[in-house]
Amino acid sequence: MHLKNPGWLSTGLLKSIKRKYSLYKKFLKSPSPFNESSYKTYRNKLNHYLRLAKRSYYEVKLKTLKNNIKGTWNILN
């Protein structure tokens, strides 16, 4: 299954998501405190950057359509 890439998800973020998944698999394979903490730290930082990317993407989109009500609602829906 291949999902469509949203506009705010860059290639760097996609690579980071793959790295997070590999850290998670490593943690499941050998659950140690070090593997757990490295996975959780990476996961939390990645979630922070994902939120920032999504927020800035939609801020720019909404600023470009600030005088177009129909376009604004199309983005929001």
PDB file of N, CA and C in Angstrom:
ATOM      1  N   MET A   1       0.845  -1.182   0.000  1.00  0.00           N
ATOM      2  CA  MET A   1       0.000   0.000   0.000  1.00  0.00           C
ATOM      3  C   MET A   1       0.884   1.237   0.000  1.00  0.00           C
ATOM      4  N   HIS A   2       0.658   2.112  -0.920  1.00  0.00           N
ATOM      5  CA  HIS A   2       1.447   3.333  -1.044  1.00  0.00           C
ATOM      6  C   HIS A   2       0.516   4.520  -0.860  1.00  0.00           C
ATOM      7  N   LEU A   3       0.792   5.327   0.150  1.00  0.00           N
ATOM      8  CA  LEU A   3      -0.056   6.471   0.438  1.00  0.00           C
ATOM      9  C   LEU A   3       0.415   7.695  -0.331  1.00  0.00           C
ATOM     10  N   LYS A   4      -0.505   8.594  -0.625  1.00  0.00           N
ATOM     11  CA  LYS A   4      -0.167   9.831  -1.299  1.00  0.00           C
ATOM     12  C   LYS A   4       0.561  10.751  -0.322  1.00  0.00           C
ATOM     13  N   ASN A   5       1.632  11.350  -0.785  1.00  0.00           N
ATOM     14  CA  ASN A   5       2.435  12.234   0.043  1.00  0.00           C
ATOM     15  C   ASN A   5       1.759  13.598   0.148  1.00  0.00           C
ATOM     16  N   PRO A   6       1.424  14.047   1.371  1.00  0.00           N
ATOM     17  CA  PRO A   6       0.877  15.398   1.503  1.00  0.00           C
ATOM     18  C   PRO A   6       1.956  16.426   1.174  1.00  0.00           C
ATOM     19  N   GLY A   7       1.555  17.631   0.841  1.00  0.00           N
ATOM     20  CA  GLY A   7       2.498  18.657   0.412  1.00  0.00           C
ATOM     21  C   GLY A   7       3.480  19.090   1.473  1.00  0.00           C
ATOM     22  N   TRP A   8       3.157  18.931   2.716  1.00  0.00           N
ATOM     23  CA  TRP A   8       4.020  19.416   3.786  1.00  0.00           C
ATOM     24  C   TRP A   8       5.076  18.396   4.201  1.00  0.00           C
ATOM     25  N   LEU A   9       5.016  17.193   3.684  1.00  0.00           N
ATOM     26  CA  LEU A   9       5.949  16.141   4.078  1.00  0.00           C
ATOM     27  C   LEU A   9       7.126  16.113   3.107  1.00  0.00           C
ATOM     28  N   SER A  10       8.297  16.545   3.582  1.00  0.00           N
ATOM     29  CA  SER A  10       9.477  16.609   2.721  1.00  0.00           C
ATOM     30  C   SER A  10      10.185  15.261   2.681  1.00  0.00           C
ATOM     31  N   THR A  11      11.150  15.144   1.790  1.00  0.00           N
ATOM     32  CA  THR A  11      11.905  13.891   1.685  1.00  0.00           C
ATOM     33  C   THR A  11      12.748  13.649   2.933  1.00  0.00           C
ATOM     34  N   GLY A  12      13.238  14.725   3.536  1.00  0.00           N
ATOM     35  CA  GLY A  12      14.000  14.576   4.775  1.00  0.00           C
ATOM     36  C   GLY A  12      13.139  14.026   5.901  1.00  0.00           C
ATOM     37  N   LEU A  13      11.890  14.496   5.976  1.00  0.00           N
ATOM     38  CA  LEU A  13      10.986  13.987   7.005  1.00  0.00           C
ATOM     39  C   LEU A  13      10.619  12.530   6.733  1.00  0.00           C
ATOM     40  N   LEU A  14      10.480  12.162   5.467  1.00  0.00           N
ATOM     41  CA  LEU A  14      10.199  10.764   5.136  1.00  0.00           C
ATOM     42  C   LEU A  14      11.351   9.857   5.553  1.00  0.00           C
ATOM     43  N   LYS A  15      12.588  10.313   5.336  1.00  0.00           N
ATOM     44  CA  LYS A  15      13.750   9.540   5.772  1.00  0.00           C
ATOM     45  C   LYS A  15      13.777   9.415   7.288  1.00  0.00           C
ATOM     46  N   SER A  16      13.395  10.484   7.966  1.00  0.00           N
ATOM     47  CA  SER A  16      13.369  10.450   9.428  1.00  0.00           C
ATOM     48  C   SER A  16      12.306   9.484   9.942  1.00  0.00           C
ATOM     49  N   ILE A  17      11.183   9.400   9.248  1.00  0.00           N
ATOM     50  CA  ILE A  17      10.130   8.464   9.634  1.00  0.00           C
ATOM     51  C   ILE A  17      10.622   7.033   9.480  1.00  0.00           C
ATOM     52  N   LYS A  18      11.368   6.773   8.403  1.00  0.00           N
ATOM     53  CA  LYS A  18      11.933   5.438   8.223  1.00  0.00           C
ATOM     54  C   LYS A  18      12.948   5.119   9.305  1.00  0.00           C
ATOM     55  N   ARG A  19      13.748   6.108   9.681  1.00  0.00           N
ATOM     56  CA  ARG A  19      14.729   5.894  10.756  1.00  0.00           C
ATOM     57  C   ARG A  19      14.021   5.617  12.079  1.00  0.00           C
ATOM     58  N   LYS A  20      12.955   6.340  12.340  1.00  0.00           N
ATOM     59  CA  LYS A  20      12.189   6.104  13.569  1.00  0.00           C
ATOM     60  C   LYS A  20      11.656   4.678  13.594  1.00  0.00           C
ATOM     61  N   TYR A  21      11.178   4.209  12.457  1.00  0.00           N
ATOM     62  CA  TYR A  21      10.660   2.848  12.374  1.00  0.00           C
ATOM     63  C   TYR A  21      11.764   1.825  12.616  1.00  0.00           C
ATOM     64  N   SER A  22      12.961   2.082  12.087  1.00  0.00           N
ATOM     65  CA  SER A  22      14.058   1.145  12.319  1.00  0.00           C
ATOM     66  C   SER A  22      14.484   1.149  13.789  1.00  0.00           C
ATOM     67  N   LEU A  23      14.460   2.309  14.420  1.00  0.00           N
ATOM     68  CA  LEU A  23      14.768   2.370  15.859  1.00  0.00           C
ATOM     69  C   LEU A  23      13.716   1.619  16.670  1.00  0.00           C
ATOM     70  N   TYR A  24      12.471   1.712  16.242  1.00  0.00           N
ATOM     71  CA  TYR A  24      11.393   1.001  16.926  1.00  0.00           C
ATOM     72  C   TYR A  24      11.567  -0.507  16.792  1.00  0.00           C
ATOM     73  N   LYS A  25      11.907  -0.970  15.582  1.00  0.00           N
ATOM     74  CA  LYS A  25      12.137  -2.405  15.386  1.00  0.00           C
ATOM     75  C   LYS A  25      13.316  -2.881  16.224  1.00  0.00           C
ATOM     76  N   LYS A  26      14.360  -2.057  16.292  1.00  0.00           N
ATOM     77  CA  LYS A  26      15.528  -2.409  17.102  1.00  0.00           C
ATOM     78  C   LYS A  26      15.142  -2.508  18.577  1.00  0.00           C
ATOM     79  N   PHE A  27      14.296  -1.588  19.034  1.00  0.00           N
ATOM     80  CA  PHE A  27      13.844  -1.610  20.421  1.00  0.00           C
ATOM     81  C   PHE A  27      12.997  -2.855  20.703  1.00  0.00           C
ATOM     82  N   LEU A  28      12.145  -3.242  19.769  1.00  0.00           N
ATOM     83  CA  LEU A  28      11.321  -4.435  19.971  1.00  0.00           C
ATOM     84  C   LEU A  28      12.157  -5.708  19.963  1.00  0.00           C
ATOM     85  N   LYS A  29      13.184  -5.719  19.127  1.00  0.00           N
ATOM     86  CA  LYS A  29      14.027  -6.905  19.008  1.00  0.00           C
ATOM     87  C   LYS A  29      14.866  -7.118  20.263  1.00  0.00           C
ATOM     88  N   SER A  30      15.425  -6.052  20.785  1.00  0.00           N
ATOM     89  CA  SER A  30      16.221  -6.147  22.014  1.00  0.00           C
ATOM     90  C   SER A  30      15.857  -4.986  22.935  1.00  0.00           C
ATOM     91  N   PRO A  31      14.826  -5.177  23.751  1.00  0.00           N
ATOM     92  CA  PRO A  31      14.341  -4.074  24.603  1.00  0.00           C
ATOM     93  C   PRO A  31      15.289  -3.771  25.764  1.00  0.00           C
ATOM     94  N   SER A  32      16.108  -2.775  25.563  1.00  0.00           N
ATOM     95  CA  SER A  32      16.999  -2.304  26.618  1.00  0.00           C
ATOM     96  C   SER A  32      16.637  -0.861  26.936  1.00  0.00           C
ATOM     97  N   PRO A  33      17.032  -0.364  28.098  1.00  0.00           N
ATOM     98  CA  PRO A  33      16.731   1.041  28.423  1.00  0.00           C
ATOM     99  C   PRO A  33      17.343   2.024  27.421  1.00  0.00           C
ATOM    100  N   PHE A  34      18.535   1.692  26.906  1.00  0.00           N
ATOM    101  CA  PHE A  34      19.168   2.580  25.924  1.00  0.00           C
ATOM    102  C   PHE A  34      18.367   2.620  24.629  1.00  0.00           C
ATOM    103  N   ASN A  35      17.964   1.457  24.120  1.00  0.00           N
ATOM    104  CA  ASN A  35      17.174   1.415  22.879  1.00  0.00           C
ATOM    105  C   ASN A  35      15.838   2.116  23.054  1.00  0.00           C
ATOM    106  N   GLU A  36      15.232   1.942  24.223  1.00  0.00           N
ATOM    107  CA  GLU A  36      13.950   2.597  24.485  1.00  0.00           C
ATOM    108  C   GLU A  36      14.104   4.110  24.516  1.00  0.00           C
ATOM    109  N   SER A  37      15.116   4.591  25.221  1.00  0.00           N
ATOM    110  CA  SER A  37      15.286   6.042  25.333  1.00  0.00           C
ATOM    111  C   SER A  37      15.683   6.661  23.998  1.00  0.00           C
ATOM    112  N   SER A  38      16.513   5.970  23.215  1.00  0.00           N
ATOM    113  CA  SER A  38      16.890   6.541  21.917  1.00  0.00           C
ATOM    114  C   SER A  38      15.688   6.584  20.978  1.00  0.00           C
ATOM    115  N   TYR A  39      14.850   5.543  20.999  1.00  0.00           N
ATOM    116  CA  TYR A  39      13.641   5.548  20.177  1.00  0.00           C
ATOM    117  C   TYR A  39      12.694   6.656  20.607  1.00  0.00           C
ATOM    118  N   LYS A  40      12.439   6.767  21.897  1.00  0.00           N
ATOM    119  CA  LYS A  40      11.476   7.768  22.369  1.00  0.00           C
ATOM    120  C   LYS A  40      11.963   9.190  22.130  1.00  0.00           C
ATOM    121  N   THR A  41      13.249   9.424  22.307  1.00  0.00           N
ATOM    122  CA  THR A  41      13.797  10.754  22.056  1.00  0.00           C
ATOM    123  C   THR A  41      13.657  11.122  20.583  1.00  0.00           C
ATOM    124  N   TYR A  42      14.009  10.174  19.709  1.00  0.00           N
ATOM    125  CA  TYR A  42      13.900  10.425  18.270  1.00  0.00           C
ATOM    126  C   TYR A  42      12.446  10.630  17.861  1.00  0.00           C
ATOM    127  N   ARG A  43      11.556   9.808  18.416  1.00  0.00           N
ATOM    128  CA  ARG A  43      10.122   9.922  18.101  1.00  0.00           C
ATOM    129  C   ARG A  43       9.587  11.295  18.503  1.00  0.00           C
ATOM    130  N   ASN A  44       9.939  11.757  19.690  1.00  0.00           N
ATOM    131  CA  ASN A  44       9.427  13.038  20.163  1.00  0.00           C
ATOM    132  C   ASN A  44       9.948  14.200  19.323  1.00  0.00           C
ATOM    133  N   LYS A  45      11.237  14.161  18.965  1.00  0.00           N
ATOM    134  CA  LYS A  45      11.790  15.221  18.119  1.00  0.00           C
ATOM    135  C   LYS A  45      11.141  15.208  16.737  1.00  0.00           C
ATOM    136  N   LEU A  46      10.957  14.013  16.187  1.00  0.00           N
ATOM    137  CA  LEU A  46      10.332  13.902  14.874  1.00  0.00           C
ATOM    138  C   LEU A  46       8.905  14.432  14.901  1.00  0.00           C
ATOM    139  N   ASN A  47       8.140  14.097  15.919  1.00  0.00           N
ATOM    140  CA  ASN A  47       6.767  14.611  16.030  1.00  0.00           C
ATOM    141  C   ASN A  47       6.758  16.130  16.101  1.00  0.00           C
ATOM    142  N   HIS A  48       7.740  16.701  16.800  1.00  0.00           N
ATOM    143  CA  HIS A  48       7.848  18.153  16.895  1.00  0.00           C
ATOM    144  C   HIS A  48       8.070  18.755  15.506  1.00  0.00           C
ATOM    145  N   TYR A  49       9.013  18.184  14.748  1.00  0.00           N
ATOM    146  CA  TYR A  49       9.305  18.704  13.419  1.00  0.00           C
ATOM    147  C   TYR A  49       8.166  18.469  12.436  1.00  0.00           C
ATOM    148  N   LEU A  50       7.445  17.364  12.582  1.00  0.00           N
ATOM    149  CA  LEU A  50       6.286  17.116  11.730  1.00  0.00           C
ATOM    150  C   LEU A  50       5.201  18.156  11.978  1.00  0.00           C
ATOM    151  N   ARG A  51       4.956  18.466  13.238  1.00  0.00           N
ATOM    152  CA  ARG A  51       3.953  19.485  13.559  1.00  0.00           C
ATOM    153  C   ARG A  51       4.347  20.850  13.005  1.00  0.00           C
ATOM    154  N   LEU A  52       5.649  21.204  13.148  1.00  0.00           N
ATOM    155  CA  LEU A  52       6.119  22.488  12.625  1.00  0.00           C
ATOM    156  C   LEU A  52       5.967  22.567  11.111  1.00  0.00           C
ATOM    157  N   ALA A  53       6.321  21.494  10.424  1.00  0.00           N
ATOM    158  CA  ALA A  53       6.237  21.483   8.967  1.00  0.00           C
ATOM    159  C   ALA A  53       4.790  21.621   8.513  1.00  0.00           C
ATOM    160  N   LYS A  54       3.907  20.897   9.158  1.00  0.00           N
ATOM    161  CA  LYS A  54       2.491  20.951   8.790  1.00  0.00           C
ATOM    162  C   LYS A  54       1.911  22.339   9.055  1.00  0.00           C
ATOM    163  N   ARG A  55       2.241  22.901  10.211  1.00  0.00           N
ATOM    164  CA  ARG A  55       1.722  24.216  10.572  1.00  0.00           C
ATOM    165  C   ARG A  55       2.211  25.291   9.607  1.00  0.00           C
ATOM    166  N   SER A  56       3.506  25.286   9.290  1.00  0.00           N
ATOM    167  CA  SER A  56       4.031  26.318   8.393  1.00  0.00           C
ATOM    168  C   SER A  56       3.492  26.149   6.978  1.00  0.00           C
ATOM    169  N   TYR A  57       3.298  24.916   6.531  1.00  0.00           N
ATOM    170  CA  TYR A  57       2.739  24.667   5.199  1.00  0.00           C
ATOM    171  C   TYR A  57       1.344  25.270   5.085  1.00  0.00           C
ATOM    172  N   TYR A  58       0.492  25.010   6.084  1.00  0.00           N
ATOM    173  CA  TYR A  58      -0.872  25.526   6.016  1.00  0.00           C
ATOM    174  C   TYR A  58      -0.932  27.030   6.267  1.00  0.00           C
ATOM    175  N   GLU A  59       0.003  27.572   7.048  1.00  0.00           N
ATOM    176  CA  GLU A  59       0.037  29.024   7.222  1.00  0.00           C
ATOM    177  C   GLU A  59       0.304  29.711   5.895  1.00  0.00           C
ATOM    178  N   VAL A  60       1.259  29.197   5.136  1.00  0.00           N
ATOM    179  CA  VAL A  60       1.583  29.790   3.835  1.00  0.00           C
ATOM    180  C   VAL A  60       0.406  29.642   2.880  1.00  0.00           C
ATOM    181  N   LYS A  61      -0.213  28.454   2.858  1.00  0.00           N
ATOM    182  CA  LYS A  61      -1.357  28.236   1.974  1.00  0.00           C
ATOM    183  C   LYS A  61      -2.499  29.193   2.299  1.00  0.00           C
ATOM    184  N   LEU A  62      -2.779  29.368   3.585  1.00  0.00           N
ATOM    185  CA  LEU A  62      -3.882  30.247   3.975  1.00  0.00           C
ATOM    186  C   LEU A  62      -3.558  31.714   3.738  1.00  0.00           C
ATOM    187  N   LYS A  63      -2.277  32.103   3.890  1.00  0.00           N
ATOM    188  CA  LYS A  63      -1.913  33.496   3.614  1.00  0.00           C
ATOM    189  C   LYS A  63      -2.073  33.832   2.143  1.00  0.00           C
ATOM    190  N   THR A  64      -1.756  32.875   1.269  1.00  0.00           N
ATOM    191  CA  THR A  64      -1.890  33.163  -0.159  1.00  0.00           C
ATOM    192  C   THR A  64      -3.360  33.272  -0.566  1.00  0.00           C
ATOM    193  N   LEU A  65      -4.250  32.639   0.182  1.00  0.00           N
ATOM    194  CA  LEU A  65      -5.675  32.666  -0.149  1.00  0.00           C
ATOM    195  C   LEU A  65      -6.499  33.477   0.852  1.00  0.00           C
ATOM    196  N   LYS A  66      -5.871  34.459   1.502  1.00  0.00           N
ATOM    197  CA  LYS A  66      -6.586  35.175   2.561  1.00  0.00           C
ATOM    198  C   LYS A  66      -7.768  35.994   2.056  1.00  0.00           C
ATOM    199  N   ASN A  67      -7.766  36.388   0.791  1.00  0.00           N
ATOM    200  CA  ASN A  67      -8.897  37.137   0.242  1.00  0.00           C
ATOM    201  C   ASN A  67      -9.857  36.263  -0.550  1.00  0.00           C
ATOM    202  N   ASN A  68      -9.586  34.971  -0.597  1.00  0.00           N
ATOM    203  CA  ASN A  68     -10.414  34.033  -1.351  1.00  0.00           C
ATOM    204  C   ASN A  68     -11.099  33.087  -0.357  1.00  0.00           C
ATOM    205  N   ILE A  69     -12.339  33.370  -0.020  1.00  0.00           N
ATOM    206  CA  ILE A  69     -13.055  32.600   0.990  1.00  0.00           C
ATOM    207  C   ILE A  69     -13.269  31.156   0.532  1.00  0.00           C
ATOM    208  N   LYS A  70     -13.643  30.970  -0.734  1.00  0.00           N
ATOM    209  CA  LYS A  70     -13.887  29.620  -1.234  1.00  0.00           C
ATOM    210  C   LYS A  70     -12.612  28.769  -1.206  1.00  0.00           C
ATOM    211  N   GLY A  71     -11.500  29.353  -1.617  1.00  0.00           N
ATOM    212  CA  GLY A  71     -10.218  28.642  -1.583  1.00  0.00           C
ATOM    213  C   GLY A  71      -9.799  28.306  -0.165  1.00  0.00           C
ATOM    214  N   THR A  72     -10.054  29.216   0.761  1.00  0.00           N
ATOM    215  CA  THR A  72      -9.725  28.986   2.167  1.00  0.00           C
ATOM    216  C   THR A  72     -10.512  27.809   2.703  1.00  0.00           C
ATOM    217  N   TRP A  73     -11.802  27.762   2.398  1.00  0.00           N
ATOM    218  CA  TRP A  73     -12.620  26.650   2.892  1.00  0.00           C
ATOM    219  C   TRP A  73     -12.249  25.330   2.226  1.00  0.00           C
ATOM    220  N   ASN A  74     -11.807  25.380   0.983  1.00  0.00           N
ATOM    221  CA  ASN A  74     -11.351  24.151   0.335  1.00  0.00           C
ATOM    222  C   ASN A  74     -10.137  23.571   1.052  1.00  0.00           C
ATOM    223  N   ILE A  75      -9.240  24.430   1.505  1.00  0.00           N
ATOM    224  CA  ILE A  75      -8.070  23.975   2.260  1.00  0.00           C
ATOM    225  C   ILE A  75      -8.494  23.437   3.619  1.00  0.00           C
ATOM    226  N   LEU A  76      -9.388  24.132   4.285  1.00  0.00           N
ATOM    227  CA  LEU A  76      -9.805  23.720   5.627  1.00  0.00           C
ATOM    228  C   LEU A  76     -10.596  22.410   5.600  1.00  0.00           C
ATOM    229  N   ASN A  77     -11.335  22.184   4.552  1.00  0.00           N
ATOM    230  CA  ASN A  77     -12.092  20.946   4.463  1.00  0.00           C
ATOM    231  C   ASN A  77     -11.213  19.860   3.920  1.00  0.00           C
TER     232      ASN A  77
END
